[in-house]
Amino acid sequence: MRTTITIDDALYSEVEALAKQRNCSVDEVINSAMKVYLRHLSTSRVDELPPLPRRMSGGPHPGININDMSSLMSILDEGQELNSLR
């Protein structure tokens, strides 16, 4: 099938260089790359991602008001280490 697409200039230069290195056409490089990408998409699953880390303490550290950014900024301005609030 013949179609027209827009490719970033730098990316196209890389594809051209790869095609020259492998002694094949730009079309073959792009087709091969798309097949690999689509195969990867069809085999990867979102539920395989690792779970996000959770804090088990049930809330923010003492001394930090999550509704007041200025209180956090004042702690930082005073030079108090945030780790000391743990």
Protein backbone atom coordinates (compact mmCIF):
# COMPACT_ATOMS: atom_id res chain seq x y z
CA MET A 1 0.00 0.00 0.00
CA ARG A 2 1.26 3.45 -0.79
CA THR A 3 0.65 6.31 1.66
CA THR A 4 2.12 9.63 2.76
CA ILE A 5 3.30 10.25 6.30
CA THR A 6 5.24 13.01 8.03
CA ILE A 7 8.46 11.96 9.76
CA ASP A 8 10.79 14.08 11.85
CA ASP A 9 13.86 15.07 9.79
CA ALA A 10 16.36 13.70 12.31
CA LEU A 11 14.48 10.40 12.55
CA TYR A 12 14.37 10.07 8.76
CA SER A 13 18.12 10.68 8.60
CA GLU A 14 18.65 7.83 11.06
CA VAL A 15 16.38 5.55 9.03
CA GLU A 16 18.26 6.44 5.84
CA ALA A 17 21.60 5.70 7.48
CA LEU A 18 20.34 2.36 8.79
CA ALA A 19 18.97 1.42 5.36
CA LYS A 20 22.31 2.23 3.76
CA GLN A 21 24.18 0.28 6.45
CA ARG A 22 21.95 -2.78 5.95
CA ASN A 23 21.88 -2.40 2.18
CA CYS A 24 18.10 -2.17 2.00
CA SER A 25 15.46 0.46 1.29
CA VAL A 26 14.03 3.03 3.66
CA ASP A 27 10.64 1.36 3.12
CA GLU A 28 12.01 -1.96 4.39
CA VAL A 29 13.47 -0.36 7.52
CA ILE A 30 10.21 1.45 8.33
CA ASN A 31 8.07 -1.64 7.65
CA SER A 32 10.32 -3.79 9.82
CA ALA A 33 10.29 -1.24 12.65
CA MET A 34 6.50 -0.92 12.54
CA LYS A 35 6.06 -4.71 12.67
CA VAL A 36 8.30 -4.94 15.74
CA TYR A 37 6.50 -2.01 17.41
CA LEU A 38 3.02 -3.41 16.75
CA ARG A 39 4.06 -6.87 17.95
CA HIS A 40 5.37 -5.29 21.14
CA LEU A 41 2.10 -3.40 21.68
CA SER A 42 0.02 -6.53 21.25
CA THR A 43 2.11 -8.54 23.74
CA SER A 44 2.63 -5.90 26.44
CA ARG A 45 -0.01 -5.55 29.11
CA VAL A 46 -0.67 -2.69 31.46
CA ASP A 47 -1.31 -5.04 34.40
CA GLU A 48 2.29 -6.28 34.10
CA LEU A 49 3.57 -2.95 35.39
CA PRO A 50 4.92 -3.01 38.94
CA PRO A 51 2.63 -1.52 41.58
CA LEU A 52 3.30 2.04 42.68
CA PRO A 53 4.96 2.41 46.08
CA ARG A 54 2.63 3.29 48.95
CA ARG A 55 3.20 4.89 52.30
CA MET A 56 1.59 2.84 55.01
CA SER A 57 1.47 5.58 57.64
CA GLY A 58 -1.88 6.86 56.45
CA GLY A 59 -1.03 10.49 55.77
CA PRO A 60 1.58 13.16 55.34
CA HIS A 61 4.49 13.51 57.71
CA PRO A 62 3.90 15.58 60.85
CA GLY A 63 4.52 19.26 60.26
CA ILE A 64 3.52 19.18 56.60
CA ASN A 65 0.12 20.57 55.68
CA ILE A 66 -0.69 19.29 52.18
CA ASN A 67 -3.25 22.08 51.78
CA ASP A 68 -0.70 24.84 52.45
CA MET A 69 2.25 25.04 50.09
CA SER A 70 3.62 28.06 51.91
CA SER A 71 4.17 25.96 55.06
CA LEU A 72 6.33 23.53 53.09
CA MET A 73 8.21 26.41 51.49
CA SER A 74 8.84 27.99 54.89
CA ILE A 75 10.30 24.70 56.15
CA LEU A 76 12.61 24.64 53.13
CA ASP A 77 13.52 28.32 53.62
CA GLU A 78 14.45 27.68 57.26
CA GLY A 79 16.89 25.04 56.11
CA GLN A 80 15.13 22.30 58.04
CA GLU A 81 15.66 18.97 56.36
CA LEU A 82 12.44 17.32 55.25
CA ASN A 83 13.86 13.97 56.35
CA SER A 84 13.98 15.29 59.92
CA LEU A 85 10.18 15.52 59.85
CA ARG A 86 9.86 11.76 59.36
